[in-house]
């Protein structure tokens, strides 16, 4: 009797070769994780500062909730939330090797890069109109100077650091109802103390009344008391003096984002290749 033995090839999964991550794969994984972890914490800090600002100003009160859309602190809240959400997806995606989160993260970074490039192109093409937008914003901040603490802080910082007063000149403060010459209060025909050439008495005590009545003075008399030039001119000069630094920072920020996108794409390819190889 003749015996027939069927030849059947037996596969032993435990003996099959498995693809192992290289040192570079591990480096990219944990480098992406740590970078996103740092920016996640930074986003939470920005978000916390924004929420603290809104709460401290009682912006959620019934009588103020209608104006919350124009509150500068909302910018910090939005920026912090977007930064936290974006970087957290990249952080968890890298650590857990989650392709869905990494794809979401890389898509969001790609959108940010595209938006920044388009914004730069628009700013360059509309550079003649940017001055008009800045002037409108500055005048709007001056009108609400006494009513909005954030706008007051921003305006004071601009005037004191650039040594200027108003948008075009010191008489722009006539637009503010408190500094208008027809106002009944003590501030009438005055300017904020940050317009003063020397707001400190004896170099130590802040004199908040140094700008009272400044609008009544002619330019020759006023120049020894307050800064005559507007902040738009000072801002333009500051940008011209620091345009190299601004351009360098912009290129570095864009480069970091492109590098992050490249690392994420490389890590995604490595994870997908690892899964396909070990399933084969």
Protein backbone atom coordinates (compact mmCIF):
# COMPACT_ATOMS: atom_id res chain seq x y z
CA UNK A 1 0.00 0.00 0.00
CA UNK A 2 1.37 3.27 -1.05
CA UNK A 3 1.26 6.16 1.37
CA UNK A 4 0.90 9.65 0.13
CA UNK A 5 2.07 12.42 2.35
CA UNK A 6 0.84 15.90 1.60
CA UNK A 7 3.51 18.49 1.89
CA UNK A 8 2.23 21.52 3.77
CA UNK A 9 4.32 24.45 4.69
CA UNK A 10 3.89 25.46 8.29
CA UNK A 11 4.39 29.09 9.34
CA UNK A 12 5.44 29.90 12.84
CA UNK A 13 4.47 33.46 13.66
CA UNK A 14 6.89 33.67 16.51
CA UNK A 15 9.75 32.98 14.13
CA UNK A 16 8.73 35.57 11.54
CA UNK A 17 10.96 38.63 11.39
CA UNK A 18 9.45 41.78 12.85
CA UNK A 19 10.24 45.27 11.74
CA UNK A 20 11.95 47.19 14.49
CA UNK A 21 12.09 50.94 14.89
CA UNK A 22 15.44 52.50 14.20
CA UNK A 23 17.13 54.97 16.50
CA UNK A 24 16.01 57.79 14.19
CA UNK A 25 12.38 56.65 14.44
CA UNK A 26 12.52 56.72 18.24
CA UNK A 27 14.25 60.10 18.16
CA UNK A 28 11.58 61.61 15.90
CA UNK A 29 8.80 60.13 18.01
CA UNK A 30 9.99 61.48 21.36
CA UNK A 31 11.28 64.73 19.91
CA UNK A 32 7.83 65.43 18.47
CA UNK A 33 6.25 64.39 21.76
CA UNK A 34 8.42 66.67 23.90
CA UNK A 35 8.07 69.67 21.58
CA UNK A 36 4.30 69.36 21.53
CA UNK A 37 4.24 68.84 25.31
CA UNK A 38 6.10 72.12 25.83
CA UNK A 39 3.74 74.01 23.53
CA UNK A 40 0.71 72.34 25.14
CA UNK A 41 1.80 73.73 28.51
CA UNK A 42 2.43 77.12 26.89
CA UNK A 43 -1.05 77.02 25.36
CA UNK A 44 -2.60 76.24 28.74
CA UNK A 45 -0.73 79.20 30.28
CA UNK A 46 -2.00 81.55 27.55
CA UNK A 47 -5.52 80.15 27.91
CA UNK A 48 -5.34 80.62 31.69
CA UNK A 49 -4.15 84.22 31.35
CA UNK A 50 -6.98 84.99 28.96
CA UNK A 51 -9.62 83.45 31.20
CA UNK A 52 -8.14 85.22 34.24
CA UNK A 53 -8.36 88.53 32.37
CA UNK A 54 -11.99 87.96 31.39
CA UNK A 55 -12.99 86.89 34.90
CA UNK A 56 -11.09 89.69 36.67
CA UNK A 57 -12.83 92.28 34.49
CA UNK A 58 -16.19 90.56 35.04
CA UNK A 59 -16.64 90.26 31.27
CA UNK A 60 -19.18 87.47 31.77
CA UNK A 61 -21.49 89.77 33.75
CA UNK A 62 -24.91 90.29 32.19
CA UNK A 63 -24.30 93.97 31.44
CA UNK A 64 -20.91 93.26 29.78
CA UNK A 65 -21.48 89.95 28.01
CA UNK A 66 -22.69 91.77 24.89
CA UNK A 67 -19.25 93.37 24.36
CA UNK A 68 -17.18 90.26 25.04
CA UNK A 69 -16.61 89.75 21.30
CA UNK A 70 -14.43 92.89 21.18
CA UNK A 71 -12.48 92.11 24.36
CA UNK A 72 -8.71 91.77 23.61
CA UNK A 73 -8.51 89.00 26.21
CA UNK A 74 -10.64 86.87 23.88
CA UNK A 75 -7.65 86.76 21.53
CA UNK A 76 -5.56 85.12 24.28
CA UNK A 77 -8.36 82.65 25.05
CA UNK A 78 -8.74 81.70 21.37
CA UNK A 79 -4.98 81.46 20.80
CA UNK A 80 -4.48 79.38 23.96
CA UNK A 81 -7.34 77.01 23.11
CA UNK A 82 -6.17 76.45 19.52
CA UNK A 83 -2.53 75.99 20.57
CA UNK A 84 -3.47 73.57 23.36
CA UNK A 85 -5.81 71.49 21.19
CA UNK A 86 -3.40 71.34 18.26
CA UNK A 87 -0.29 70.48 20.26
CA UNK A 88 -2.14 68.01 22.50
CA UNK A 89 -3.22 66.04 19.42
CA UNK A 90 0.37 65.93 18.23
CA UNK A 91 1.64 65.03 21.71
CA UNK A 92 -0.77 62.13 22.25
CA UNK A 93 -0.53 61.04 18.62
CA UNK A 94 3.25 60.75 18.79
CA UNK A 95 3.29 58.98 22.16
CA UNK A 96 0.51 56.50 21.33
CA UNK A 97 1.51 56.19 17.65
CA UNK A 98 -2.04 57.14 16.71
CA UNK A 99 -2.15 57.76 12.98
CA UNK A 100 -5.51 59.55 13.11
CA UNK A 101 -4.28 62.15 15.60
CA UNK A 102 -1.00 62.59 13.75
CA UNK A 103 -2.86 63.12 10.47
CA UNK A 104 -5.11 65.66 12.17
CA UNK A 105 -2.08 67.42 13.62
CA UNK A 106 -0.17 67.50 10.33
CA UNK A 107 -3.26 68.76 8.47
CA UNK A 108 -3.72 71.56 11.02
CA UNK A 109 -0.05 72.56 10.78
CA UNK A 110 -0.31 72.58 6.98
CA UNK A 111 -3.37 74.84 7.20
CA UNK A 112 -1.49 77.19 9.58
CA UNK A 113 1.51 77.37 7.24
CA UNK A 114 -0.75 78.12 4.27
CA UNK A 115 -2.67 80.78 6.24
CA UNK A 116 0.54 82.50 7.35
CA UNK A 117 1.97 82.55 3.82
CA UNK A 118 -1.30 83.98 2.46
CA UNK A 119 -1.40 86.55 5.29
CA UNK A 120 2.17 87.63 4.50
CA UNK A 121 1.32 87.98 0.80
CA UNK A 122 -1.82 90.01 1.59
CA UNK A 123 0.06 92.24 4.05
CA UNK A 124 2.71 92.94 1.42
CA UNK A 125 0.18 93.65 -1.32
CA UNK A 126 -1.95 95.86 0.98
CA UNK A 127 0.93 97.59 2.75
CA UNK A 128 -0.35 101.00 1.63
CA UNK A 129 -3.66 100.33 3.41
CA UNK A 130 -2.15 98.88 6.60
CA UNK A 131 -1.43 102.38 7.89
CA UNK A 132 -5.10 103.26 7.57
CA UNK A 133 -6.13 100.17 9.51
CA UNK A 134 -3.60 100.95 12.25
CA UNK A 135 -4.83 104.53 12.46
CA UNK A 136 -8.46 103.42 12.78
CA UNK A 137 -7.53 100.92 15.48
CA UNK A 138 -5.47 103.46 17.43
CA UNK A 139 -8.23 106.06 17.32
CA UNK A 140 -10.81 103.46 18.42
CA UNK A 141 -8.58 102.50 21.36
CA UNK A 142 -8.23 106.17 22.33
CA UNK A 143 -12.00 106.64 22.30
CA UNK A 144 -12.42 103.71 24.72
CA UNK A 145 -9.31 104.55 26.74
CA UNK A 146 -11.07 105.13 30.06
CA UNK A 147 -13.63 102.35 29.63
CA UNK A 148 -11.46 99.37 28.66
CA UNK A 149 -8.49 98.43 30.86
CA UNK A 150 -6.85 96.32 28.15
CA UNK A 151 -6.99 99.05 25.51
CA UNK A 152 -5.76 101.53 28.11
CA UNK A 153 -2.78 99.32 28.94
CA UNK A 154 -1.92 98.78 25.26
CA UNK A 155 -2.20 102.50 24.46
CA UNK A 156 -0.07 103.47 27.46
CA UNK A 157 2.62 100.94 26.51
CA UNK A 158 2.75 102.22 22.93
CA UNK A 159 2.93 105.88 23.96
CA UNK A 160 5.53 105.42 26.69
CA UNK A 161 7.80 103.07 24.71
CA UNK A 162 7.64 104.95 21.41
CA UNK A 163 7.59 108.36 23.15
CA UNK A 164 4.55 109.56 21.23
CA UNK A 165 1.08 110.93 21.88
CA UNK A 166 -2.09 110.13 19.95
CA UNK A 167 -2.33 108.62 16.49
CA UNK A 168 -1.19 111.58 14.37
CA UNK A 169 -0.48 114.12 17.13
CA UNK A 170 -1.42 114.94 20.71
CA UNK A 171 -4.61 116.75 19.69
CA UNK A 172 -6.19 113.38 18.72
CA UNK A 173 -7.13 113.00 22.39
CA UNK A 174 -9.91 115.47 21.70
CA UNK A 175 -11.83 112.41 20.43
CA UNK A 176 -12.04 110.97 23.95
CA UNK A 177 -15.11 112.20 25.85
CA UNK A 178 -13.08 112.65 29.03
CA UNK A 179 -10.18 114.55 27.41
CA UNK A 180 -12.44 116.57 25.11
CA UNK A 181 -12.26 120.29 25.88
CA UNK A 182 -16.04 120.37 26.30
CA UNK A 183 -15.93 117.71 29.02
CA UNK A 184 -16.92 118.85 32.54
CA UNK A 185 -14.20 116.96 34.42
CA UNK A 186 -10.65 117.82 35.40
CA UNK A 187 -9.28 115.79 32.44
CA UNK A 188 -10.79 118.22 29.89
CA UNK A 189 -8.28 119.43 27.29
CA UNK A 190 -5.65 117.11 28.75
CA UNK A 191 -3.75 114.00 27.65
CA UNK A 192 -2.75 110.81 29.52
CA UNK A 193 0.36 110.88 31.67
CA UNK A 194 2.12 108.49 29.27
CA UNK A 195 2.26 111.39 26.79
CA UNK A 196 4.42 113.41 29.18
CA UNK A 197 8.11 113.91 28.55
CA UNK A 198 8.83 113.52 32.27
CA UNK A 199 5.88 111.85 34.04
CA UNK A 200 7.93 111.25 37.18
CA UNK A 201 8.28 114.01 39.77
CA UNK A 202 11.85 114.11 41.08
CA UNK A 203 12.42 110.87 39.20
CA UNK A 204 10.48 108.79 41.71
CA UNK A 205 6.78 109.68 42.02
CA UNK A 206 4.40 109.11 39.11
CA UNK A 207 2.57 112.34 38.28
CA UNK A 208 -0.76 111.30 36.72
CA UNK A 209 -1.74 114.95 36.20
CA UNK A 210 1.27 116.05 34.17
CA UNK A 211 -0.80 116.11 30.98
CA UNK A 212 -3.67 118.27 32.25
CA UNK A 213 -4.47 121.18 29.95
CA UNK A 214 -1.86 120.10 27.37
CA UNK A 215 -4.26 120.57 24.45
CA UNK A 216 -4.58 124.25 25.30
CA UNK A 217 -0.85 124.80 24.75
CA UNK A 218 0.66 125.71 21.40
CA UNK A 219 3.24 123.31 19.98
CA UNK A 220 6.22 125.41 21.11
CA UNK A 221 5.04 125.44 24.74
CA UNK A 222 3.74 121.85 24.67
CA UNK A 223 6.98 120.28 23.42
CA UNK A 224 8.63 120.71 26.82
CA UNK A 225 5.72 118.99 28.56
CA UNK A 226 4.46 116.23 26.25
CA UNK A 227 5.51 114.36 23.13
CA UNK A 228 4.04 116.08 20.09
CA UNK A 229 4.47 113.34 17.49
CA UNK A 230 1.84 110.70 16.86
CA UNK A 231 2.38 106.99 17.45
CA UNK A 232 1.75 105.95 13.85
CA UNK A 233 4.96 107.67 12.77
CA UNK A 234 6.84 106.16 15.70
CA UNK A 235 5.47 102.71 14.90
CA UNK A 236 6.50 103.03 11.25
CA UNK A 237 10.02 104.03 12.28
CA UNK A 238 10.22 101.13 14.75
CA UNK A 239 9.20 98.66 12.04
CA UNK A 240 11.78 100.10 9.61
CA UNK A 241 14.52 99.84 12.25
CA UNK A 242 13.62 96.25 13.15
CA UNK A 243 12.41 94.88 9.80
CA UNK A 244 15.41 92.54 9.60
CA UNK A 245 14.64 91.06 13.02
CA UNK A 246 10.93 90.79 12.22
CA UNK A 247 11.72 88.99 8.96
CA UNK A 248 14.16 86.64 10.69
CA UNK A 249 11.65 85.73 13.40
CA UNK A 250 8.96 85.12 10.78
CA UNK A 251 11.24 82.84 8.74
CA UNK A 252 12.32 80.91 11.86
CA UNK A 253 8.71 80.40 13.00
CA UNK A 254 7.70 79.24 9.53
CA UNK A 255 10.75 76.99 9.31
CA UNK A 256 9.94 75.35 12.66
CA UNK A 257 6.42 74.61 11.46
CA UNK A 258 7.69 73.12 8.19
CA UNK A 259 10.20 70.99 10.15
CA UNK A 260 7.40 69.82 12.45
CA UNK A 261 5.31 68.85 9.44
CA UNK A 262 8.25 66.92 7.96
CA UNK A 263 8.90 65.06 11.24
CA UNK A 264 5.21 64.18 11.61
CA UNK A 265 5.05 62.89 8.03
CA UNK A 266 8.21 60.82 8.53
CA UNK A 267 6.85 59.36 11.78
CA UNK A 268 3.53 58.52 10.11
CA UNK A 269 5.31 56.65 7.33
CA UNK A 270 7.37 54.73 9.87
CA UNK A 271 4.30 53.74 11.92
CA UNK A 272 2.32 52.64 8.87
CA UNK A 273 5.24 50.65 7.48
CA UNK A 274 5.70 48.99 10.87
CA UNK A 275 2.02 47.93 10.99
CA UNK A 276 1.93 46.67 7.37
CA UNK A 277 5.20 44.72 7.74
CA UNK A 278 4.16 42.97 10.93
CA UNK A 279 0.74 42.08 9.54
CA UNK A 280 2.24 40.53 6.39
